[in-house]
């Protein structure tokens, strides 16, 4: 198993406030967030959490969501 822990000194975030990120939208509309990013003047992107979630077996956040543990189980 590989396990990584990343801690950010900031206040964290709430998924409900990430309308500009792909992870906050339904799987059948993975680019819906692009319109929101464009309206807010943000650069293209917003796929980081979605790609990470798809690459690991477990993604665990603390309550404030300013710390995350990624877990990837390895085959023998």
Protein backbone atom coordinates (compact mmCIF):
# COMPACT_ATOMS: atom_id res chain seq x y z
CA UNK A 1 0.00 0.00 0.00
CA UNK A 2 1.10 3.54 -0.69
CA UNK A 3 -0.18 6.26 1.60
CA UNK A 4 0.39 9.99 1.29
CA UNK A 5 -0.75 12.69 3.65
CA UNK A 6 -0.98 16.30 2.53
CA UNK A 7 -1.76 19.09 4.98
CA UNK A 8 -2.49 22.66 3.97
CA UNK A 9 -2.04 25.48 6.51
CA UNK A 10 -5.15 27.21 5.16
CA UNK A 11 -8.68 27.04 6.51
CA UNK A 12 -9.74 24.24 4.16
CA UNK A 13 -12.79 24.11 1.90
CA UNK A 14 -16.27 22.68 1.55
CA UNK A 15 -17.27 20.58 -1.46
CA UNK A 16 -20.54 22.51 -1.61
CA UNK A 17 -18.52 25.67 -2.36
CA UNK A 18 -16.57 24.12 -5.25
CA UNK A 19 -19.03 24.79 -8.06
CA UNK A 20 -16.06 25.62 -10.30
CA UNK A 21 -14.61 22.10 -9.89
CA UNK A 22 -15.55 19.02 -11.93
CA UNK A 23 -15.96 16.93 -8.76
CA UNK A 24 -19.00 19.00 -7.77
CA UNK A 25 -20.99 18.02 -10.87
CA UNK A 26 -22.74 14.89 -12.04
CA UNK A 27 -20.60 12.27 -13.84
CA UNK A 28 -22.70 12.66 -16.99
CA UNK A 29 -21.71 16.35 -17.27
CA UNK A 30 -17.97 16.43 -16.53
CA UNK A 31 -17.40 19.77 -18.29
CA UNK A 32 -20.31 21.72 -16.78
CA UNK A 33 -17.87 23.45 -14.46
CA UNK A 34 -16.10 25.00 -17.49
CA UNK A 35 -18.95 27.48 -17.96
CA UNK A 36 -18.77 28.48 -14.29
CA UNK A 37 -14.99 28.92 -14.48
CA UNK A 38 -15.37 31.08 -17.60
CA UNK A 39 -18.02 33.26 -15.90
CA UNK A 40 -15.73 33.74 -12.87
CA UNK A 41 -12.73 34.54 -15.04
CA UNK A 42 -10.84 31.43 -13.90
CA UNK A 43 -8.38 29.61 -16.11
CA UNK A 44 -9.41 26.25 -17.58
CA UNK A 45 -9.05 23.39 -15.13
CA UNK A 46 -10.91 22.10 -12.11
CA UNK A 47 -10.19 18.42 -12.69
CA UNK A 48 -7.58 17.90 -9.92
CA UNK A 49 -9.81 16.35 -7.26
CA UNK A 50 -11.72 14.29 -9.81
CA UNK A 51 -8.53 12.87 -11.31
CA UNK A 52 -7.08 12.16 -7.89
CA UNK A 53 -10.23 10.40 -6.73
CA UNK A 54 -10.15 8.21 -9.85
CA UNK A 55 -6.47 7.30 -9.31
CA UNK A 56 -6.50 6.16 -5.69
CA UNK A 57 -8.46 3.60 -3.69
CA UNK A 58 -9.24 5.86 -0.73
CA UNK A 59 -9.29 9.62 -0.35
CA UNK A 60 -9.88 10.70 3.24
CA UNK A 61 -10.28 14.30 4.43
CA UNK A 62 -10.24 15.74 7.91
CA UNK A 63 -13.28 17.74 9.04
CA UNK A 64 -11.94 21.12 7.88
CA UNK A 65 -10.82 19.53 4.60
CA UNK A 66 -7.40 21.11 4.78
CA UNK A 67 -5.72 17.74 5.21
CA UNK A 68 -6.09 14.65 3.02
CA UNK A 69 -4.77 11.09 3.02
CA UNK A 70 -4.49 9.23 -0.29
CA UNK A 71 -4.34 5.43 -0.16
CA UNK A 72 -3.46 3.18 -3.10
CA UNK A 73 -3.41 -0.58 -2.55
CA UNK A 74 -0.80 -2.49 -4.54
CA UNK A 75 -1.21 -5.93 -6.06
CA UNK A 76 1.27 -8.61 -5.11
